[in-house]
Amino acid sequence: MYTQVAILLNQIEAELKSCGLWTLTAPSVEAMQSTAPFFCDTMPLENWLQFVFLPRMRALVEGRLPLPQQIAVCPMAEEAFKHLDHRTLLLINRIADLDELLSGKREQSSARA
């Protein structure tokens, strides 16, 4: 399963870049201290994915540590990226794929690609 998760994490990163949502500017130290879900009070979701979610998930994979079994990032991604329409469809699908792989559930309302 670790290999499958690593592949999906790489695909999510590639889609963030493809959509122009990848940044070279890291969030502030203060922004990274958020305790809100998805750090929604201090950064946009694409920054949370890039600077929090991907690094943490990759650390779990690399360390062969227990992976989350209850995960539902897709509904948040659909809401956060709805203004980008079709451009983020593949990104949302990869996030939904990861949710489904880890939790066994797919909570996706947009079309699958």
N, C-alpha and C. Protein backbone atom coordinates (compact mmCIF):
# COMPACT_ATOMS: atom_id res chain seq x y z
N MET A 1 0.81 -1.20 0.00
CA MET A 1 0.00 0.00 0.00
C MET A 1 0.86 1.26 0.00
N TYR A 2 2.02 1.20 0.65
CA TYR A 2 2.89 2.38 0.70
C TYR A 2 3.28 2.85 -0.70
N THR A 3 3.52 1.91 -1.60
CA THR A 3 3.88 2.27 -2.97
C THR A 3 2.74 2.98 -3.66
N GLN A 4 1.52 2.48 -3.48
CA GLN A 4 0.35 3.11 -4.08
C GLN A 4 0.14 4.53 -3.54
N VAL A 5 0.32 4.69 -2.24
CA VAL A 5 0.17 6.01 -1.62
C VAL A 5 1.23 6.96 -2.17
N ALA A 6 2.47 6.50 -2.26
CA ALA A 6 3.56 7.34 -2.78
C ALA A 6 3.26 7.79 -4.21
N ILE A 7 2.74 6.88 -5.03
CA ILE A 7 2.40 7.24 -6.41
C ILE A 7 1.32 8.31 -6.44
N LEU A 8 0.29 8.14 -5.62
CA LEU A 8 -0.79 9.14 -5.59
C LEU A 8 -0.29 10.48 -5.06
N LEU A 9 0.58 10.48 -4.06
CA LEU A 9 1.14 11.74 -3.55
C LEU A 9 1.92 12.45 -4.66
N ASN A 10 2.69 11.71 -5.43
CA ASN A 10 3.43 12.31 -6.55
C ASN A 10 2.48 12.85 -7.61
N GLN A 11 1.37 12.14 -7.85
CA GLN A 11 0.39 12.60 -8.83
C GLN A 11 -0.30 13.87 -8.34
N ILE A 12 -0.60 13.93 -7.06
CA ILE A 12 -1.21 15.14 -6.49
C ILE A 12 -0.26 16.32 -6.64
N GLU A 13 1.01 16.11 -6.35
CA GLU A 13 2.00 17.18 -6.54
C GLU A 13 2.06 17.62 -8.00
N ALA A 14 2.09 16.66 -8.91
CA ALA A 14 2.15 16.99 -10.34
C ALA A 14 0.92 17.78 -10.78
N GLU A 15 -0.24 17.41 -10.27
CA GLU A 15 -1.46 18.14 -10.64
C GLU A 15 -1.50 19.54 -10.04
N LEU A 16 -1.01 19.69 -8.81
CA LEU A 16 -0.92 21.04 -8.23
C LEU A 16 -0.06 21.93 -9.12
N LYS A 17 1.05 21.38 -9.59
CA LYS A 17 1.94 22.14 -10.47
C LYS A 17 1.27 22.42 -11.80
N SER A 18 0.62 21.42 -12.36
CA SER A 18 -0.06 21.57 -13.65
C SER A 18 -1.15 22.64 -13.61
N CYS A 19 -1.82 22.75 -12.47
CA CYS A 19 -2.90 23.73 -12.31
C CYS A 19 -2.39 25.12 -11.93
N GLY A 20 -1.07 25.24 -11.74
CA GLY A 20 -0.51 26.52 -11.34
C GLY A 20 -0.75 26.83 -9.87
N LEU A 21 -0.97 25.79 -9.06
CA LEU A 21 -1.25 25.99 -7.64
C LEU A 21 -0.05 25.73 -6.75
N TRP A 22 1.08 25.41 -7.34
CA TRP A 22 2.32 25.15 -6.61
C TRP A 22 3.05 26.46 -6.43
N THR A 23 3.62 26.68 -5.27
CA THR A 23 4.33 27.94 -5.02
C THR A 23 5.71 27.66 -4.44
N LEU A 24 6.61 28.57 -4.64
CA LEU A 24 7.95 28.47 -4.07
C LEU A 24 8.04 29.20 -2.73
N THR A 25 6.98 29.94 -2.39
CA THR A 25 6.96 30.72 -1.16
C THR A 25 6.27 29.94 -0.05
N ALA A 26 7.03 29.56 0.94
CA ALA A 26 6.47 28.80 2.06
C ALA A 26 5.62 29.71 2.95
N PRO A 27 4.59 29.14 3.57
CA PRO A 27 3.79 29.93 4.51
C PRO A 27 4.65 30.36 5.70
N SER A 28 4.19 31.39 6.37
CA SER A 28 4.91 31.89 7.54
C SER A 28 4.90 30.85 8.66
N VAL A 29 5.80 31.02 9.60
CA VAL A 29 5.87 30.14 10.77
C VAL A 29 4.53 30.19 11.50
N GLU A 30 3.95 31.38 11.61
CA GLU A 30 2.68 31.53 12.30
C GLU A 30 1.58 30.75 11.58
N ALA A 31 1.55 30.82 10.26
CA ALA A 31 0.53 30.10 9.49
C ALA A 31 0.64 28.59 9.70
N MET A 32 1.86 28.12 9.87
CA MET A 32 2.09 26.68 10.04
C MET A 32 1.70 26.19 11.44
N GLN A 33 1.41 27.11 12.36
CA GLN A 33 1.04 26.74 13.72
C GLN A 33 -0.47 26.55 13.88
N SER A 34 -1.22 26.69 12.81
CA SER A 34 -2.68 26.59 12.88
C SER A 34 -3.11 25.25 13.47
N THR A 35 -4.24 25.29 14.16
CA THR A 35 -4.84 24.06 14.67
C THR A 35 -6.18 23.79 13.99
N ALA A 36 -6.57 24.65 13.06
CA ALA A 36 -7.83 24.48 12.34
C ALA A 36 -7.69 23.36 11.30
N PRO A 37 -8.78 22.67 11.00
CA PRO A 37 -8.71 21.65 9.96
C PRO A 37 -8.21 22.26 8.65
N PHE A 38 -7.30 21.57 8.00
CA PHE A 38 -6.72 22.01 6.73
C PHE A 38 -6.03 23.37 6.85
N PHE A 39 -5.77 23.82 8.06
CA PHE A 39 -5.18 25.14 8.32
C PHE A 39 -5.97 26.23 7.59
N CYS A 40 -7.29 26.03 7.50
CA CYS A 40 -8.14 26.91 6.69
C CYS A 40 -8.16 28.35 7.18
N ASP A 41 -7.71 28.58 8.39
CA ASP A 41 -7.70 29.95 8.92
C ASP A 41 -6.41 30.70 8.57
N THR A 42 -5.40 29.98 8.05
CA THR A 42 -4.12 30.65 7.79
C THR A 42 -3.58 30.51 6.37
N MET A 43 -4.19 29.60 5.55
CA MET A 43 -3.66 29.42 4.20
C MET A 43 -4.69 28.78 3.30
N PRO A 44 -4.55 28.99 1.99
CA PRO A 44 -5.43 28.30 1.05
C PRO A 44 -5.12 26.80 1.02
N LEU A 45 -6.08 26.02 0.57
CA LEU A 45 -5.92 24.56 0.59
C LEU A 45 -4.70 24.09 -0.20
N GLU A 46 -4.42 24.74 -1.32
CA GLU A 46 -3.26 24.30 -2.10
C GLU A 46 -1.96 24.42 -1.32
N ASN A 47 -1.86 25.45 -0.46
CA ASN A 47 -0.66 25.57 0.40
C ASN A 47 -0.64 24.49 1.46
N TRP A 48 -1.79 24.18 2.03
CA TRP A 48 -1.86 23.11 3.02
C TRP A 48 -1.45 21.79 2.40
N LEU A 49 -1.95 21.53 1.19
CA LEU A 49 -1.56 20.29 0.50
C LEU A 49 -0.05 20.24 0.29
N GLN A 50 0.50 21.33 -0.19
CA GLN A 50 1.93 21.37 -0.53
C GLN A 50 2.84 21.34 0.69
N PHE A 51 2.52 22.13 1.69
CA PHE A 51 3.46 22.33 2.80
C PHE A 51 3.14 21.52 4.06
N VAL A 52 1.94 20.96 4.15
CA VAL A 52 1.56 20.20 5.34
C VAL A 52 1.24 18.75 4.97
N PHE A 53 0.22 18.58 4.15
CA PHE A 53 -0.27 17.25 3.84
C PHE A 53 0.75 16.37 3.13
N LEU A 54 1.27 16.83 2.00
CA LEU A 54 2.23 16.01 1.25
C LEU A 54 3.47 15.65 2.07
N PRO A 55 4.11 16.62 2.74
CA PRO A 55 5.29 16.24 3.54
C PRO A 55 4.96 15.26 4.67
N ARG A 56 3.84 15.46 5.34
CA ARG A 56 3.48 14.56 6.44
C ARG A 56 3.18 13.15 5.92
N MET A 57 2.44 13.08 4.84
CA MET A 57 2.11 11.77 4.27
C MET A 57 3.36 11.07 3.75
N ARG A 58 4.24 11.82 3.12
CA ARG A 58 5.48 11.22 2.62
C ARG A 58 6.35 10.72 3.78
N ALA A 59 6.36 11.43 4.88
CA ALA A 59 7.11 10.97 6.06
C ALA A 59 6.55 9.65 6.58
N LEU A 60 5.23 9.52 6.58
CA LEU A 60 4.62 8.26 7.01
C LEU A 60 5.00 7.12 6.07
N VAL A 61 4.95 7.40 4.77
CA VAL A 61 5.29 6.38 3.77
C VAL A 61 6.75 5.98 3.90
N GLU A 62 7.64 6.97 3.95
CA GLU A 62 9.08 6.68 4.02
C GLU A 62 9.45 5.93 5.29
N GLY A 63 8.77 6.24 6.39
CA GLY A 63 9.05 5.58 7.66
C GLY A 63 8.26 4.30 7.85
N ARG A 64 7.42 3.97 6.85
CA ARG A 64 6.55 2.79 6.96
C ARG A 64 5.74 2.83 8.26
N LEU A 65 5.27 4.03 8.56
CA LEU A 65 4.47 4.27 9.77
C LEU A 65 2.98 4.06 9.44
N PRO A 66 2.14 3.90 10.44
CA PRO A 66 0.71 3.70 10.18
C PRO A 66 0.12 4.88 9.39
N LEU A 67 -0.64 4.54 8.38
CA LEU A 67 -1.29 5.54 7.54
C LEU A 67 -2.69 5.82 8.09
N PRO A 68 -3.21 7.04 7.86
CA PRO A 68 -4.57 7.35 8.34
C PRO A 68 -5.58 6.42 7.68
N GLN A 69 -6.58 6.02 8.46
CA GLN A 69 -7.61 5.14 7.93
C GLN A 69 -8.93 5.86 7.73
N GLN A 70 -9.04 7.05 8.27
CA GLN A 70 -10.22 7.88 8.09
C GLN A 70 -9.76 9.20 7.49
N ILE A 71 -9.92 9.33 6.19
CA ILE A 71 -9.44 10.53 5.52
C ILE A 71 -10.49 10.96 4.50
N ALA A 72 -10.75 12.25 4.44
CA ALA A 72 -11.73 12.79 3.49
C ALA A 72 -11.30 14.20 3.10
N VAL A 73 -10.27 14.28 2.28
CA VAL A 73 -9.77 15.56 1.81
C VAL A 73 -10.54 16.03 0.57
N CYS A 74 -11.07 15.09 -0.20
CA CYS A 74 -11.74 15.43 -1.46
C CYS A 74 -12.88 16.45 -1.31
N PRO A 75 -13.81 16.29 -0.35
CA PRO A 75 -14.87 17.29 -0.25
C PRO A 75 -14.34 18.72 -0.05
N MET A 76 -13.28 18.85 0.74
CA MET A 76 -12.67 20.17 0.94
C MET A 76 -12.04 20.67 -0.36
N ALA A 77 -11.38 19.77 -1.08
CA ALA A 77 -10.74 20.15 -2.34
C ALA A 77 -11.78 20.59 -3.37
N GLU A 78 -12.89 19.87 -3.44
CA GLU A 78 -13.94 20.26 -4.38
C GLU A 78 -14.46 21.66 -4.07
N GLU A 79 -14.63 21.96 -2.81
CA GLU A 79 -15.10 23.28 -2.42
C GLU A 79 -14.04 24.35 -2.69
N ALA A 80 -12.81 24.07 -2.29
CA ALA A 80 -11.73 25.05 -2.43
C ALA A 80 -11.39 25.36 -3.88
N PHE A 81 -11.54 24.38 -4.76
CA PHE A 81 -11.11 24.56 -6.15
C PHE A 81 -12.28 24.71 -7.12
N LYS A 82 -13.50 24.87 -6.62
CA LYS A 82 -14.66 24.94 -7.52
C LYS A 82 -14.59 26.12 -8.49
N HIS A 83 -13.95 27.19 -8.10
CA HIS A 83 -13.83 28.35 -8.97
C HIS A 83 -12.89 28.09 -10.16
N LEU A 84 -12.11 27.02 -10.09
CA LEU A 84 -11.18 26.70 -11.17
C LEU A 84 -11.78 25.72 -12.18
N ASP A 85 -13.01 25.30 -11.95
CA ASP A 85 -13.76 24.43 -12.86
C ASP A 85 -12.97 23.19 -13.26
N HIS A 86 -12.94 22.92 -14.54
CA HIS A 86 -12.36 21.68 -15.08
C HIS A 86 -10.84 21.59 -14.90
N ARG A 87 -10.18 22.69 -14.66
CA ARG A 87 -8.71 22.67 -14.56
C ARG A 87 -8.22 21.81 -13.41
N THR A 88 -9.03 21.66 -12.37
CA THR A 88 -8.59 20.90 -11.21
C THR A 88 -9.24 19.52 -11.13
N LEU A 89 -9.92 19.10 -12.18
CA LEU A 89 -10.62 17.82 -12.14
C LEU A 89 -9.67 16.66 -11.86
N LEU A 90 -8.53 16.61 -12.52
CA LEU A 90 -7.58 15.53 -12.28
C LEU A 90 -7.00 15.59 -10.87
N LEU A 91 -6.74 16.79 -10.38
CA LEU A 91 -6.25 16.96 -9.01
C LEU A 91 -7.28 16.42 -8.02
N ILE A 92 -8.52 16.80 -8.18
CA ILE A 92 -9.58 16.34 -7.29
C ILE A 92 -9.71 14.82 -7.37
N ASN A 93 -9.60 14.27 -8.56
CA ASN A 93 -9.70 12.82 -8.71
C ASN A 93 -8.55 12.10 -8.02
N ARG A 94 -7.35 12.63 -8.10
CA ARG A 94 -6.23 11.98 -7.41
C ARG A 94 -6.40 12.04 -5.90
N ILE A 95 -6.90 13.18 -5.40
CA ILE A 95 -7.17 13.30 -3.96
C ILE A 95 -8.25 12.30 -3.55
N ALA A 96 -9.30 12.18 -4.37
CA ALA A 96 -10.36 11.20 -4.08
C ALA A 96 -9.81 9.78 -4.12
N ASP A 97 -8.90 9.51 -5.06
CA ASP A 97 -8.28 8.18 -5.13
C ASP A 97 -7.53 7.87 -3.83
N LEU A 98 -6.82 8.85 -3.31
CA LEU A 98 -6.07 8.65 -2.06
C LEU A 98 -7.03 8.45 -0.89
N ASP A 99 -8.08 9.27 -0.82
CA ASP A 99 -9.09 9.08 0.23
C ASP A 99 -9.63 7.66 0.19
N GLU A 100 -9.98 7.21 -1.02
CA GLU A 100 -10.57 5.88 -1.17
C GLU A 100 -9.58 4.76 -0.82
N LEU A 101 -8.34 4.91 -1.23
CA LEU A 101 -7.33 3.91 -0.92
C LEU A 101 -7.14 3.76 0.58
N LEU A 102 -7.10 4.88 1.29
CA LEU A 102 -6.81 4.85 2.72
C LEU A 102 -8.03 4.54 3.59
N SER A 103 -9.19 5.08 3.22
CA SER A 103 -10.36 4.94 4.08
C SER A 103 -11.40 3.96 3.54
N GLY A 104 -11.26 3.61 2.27
CA GLY A 104 -12.25 2.72 1.68
C GLY A 104 -13.51 3.44 1.25
N LYS A 105 -13.51 4.79 1.36
CA LYS A 105 -14.67 5.58 0.97
C LYS A 105 -14.25 6.65 -0.02
N ARG A 106 -15.16 6.94 -0.94
CA ARG A 106 -14.91 7.99 -1.92
C ARG A 106 -16.05 9.00 -1.79
N GLU A 107 -15.73 10.16 -1.24
CA GLU A 107 -16.73 11.23 -1.07
C GLU A 107 -16.45 12.30 -2.11
N GLN A 108 -16.88 12.02 -3.32
CA GLN A 108 -16.62 12.93 -4.45
C GLN A 108 -17.91 13.22 -5.16
N SER A 109 -18.22 14.50 -5.34
CA SER A 109 -19.44 14.87 -6.04
C SER A 109 -19.18 15.28 -7.49
N SER A 110 -17.95 15.68 -7.82
CA SER A 110 -17.63 16.07 -9.19
C SER A 110 -17.37 14.83 -10.03
N ALA A 111 -17.34 15.01 -11.34
CA ALA A 111 -17.13 13.90 -12.26
C ALA A 111 -15.78 13.24 -12.05
N ARG A 112 -15.74 11.96 -12.27
CA ARG A 112 -14.47 11.24 -12.16
C ARG A 112 -13.77 11.27 -13.51
N ALA A 113 -12.44 11.37 -13.44
CA ALA A 113 -11.64 11.38 -14.67
C ALA A 113 -10.60 10.29 -14.60
